[in-house]
Amino acid sequence: GDAYSETYGLVNLSSCTCALGDVDSAQNAALQARELARQIGDQSAEAWALTGLGHSYLAAGDHKKAFDAYRGALQIRQMLEQPLLATEPAAGLATLALDQEDLETASRYIEMVLPVMEQKQGLNGTDDPLRVYLACYRVLAAKNDPAAGDVLQTAYELILSRASNIPREESRQAFLENIHHHREILSAWKSMQNSPVSIRQTKI
């Protein structure tokens, strides 16, 4: 009923505000969503809330709290046998490990993601597949794995595809330029091309 709708509304609010850089609002929304999810006994919603909490703590630079949130989300997804949805907290944990220069641990988490990514549906059904693609790319690139380029190309094409569905030029540029992990993907792709391609000149 209402509590269910409110929980998922708060999860979505956390995702949007975190993407726009409003970390405090993202954390508050995710914490409220987690508590509501626990009250109504919705474990999947709790995992969504914990994943959002992980994103917001990561953005704030609080790696310890981000780790606990992502790990909690991953444990729920594994318990519920949801390998697709487990890719998001696993990618978050890989990002944390890579930021701490622990490539072995980062690789272990990415190994949970790659088999899912290679299936026909790919990451369709996740909340933010671009975060997952970026984490995989960064870890594979750190390992000098040639698959890194393919992952980055897929992420780049997905960004352009999503941007093409945004009618207003101003909103489209905001989508490409104002969201941190989108900027990272575009920057990495331009570096891979080894030529100064302007985002604004890219055909969308």
Foldseek 3Di string as FASTA:
>chain_A
DVLVVLLVVLLVQLVVCLQLPVLVSNQVSLVVSLVSCVVVVPLLSNLSSLLSNLSSCVSVVNLVSNLVSLVSSLVSCVVVVPLLQSLSSLLSQLVSCVVVVNLVSSVVSVVSQVVQCPDPVHNPPYPDVLSSLLSNLVSCVVVVNPCSLVSLVVSLVVLVVVLVPDPDPVVSVCSCPSGVSSVVSVVVNCVVVVDPDDPVPDDD
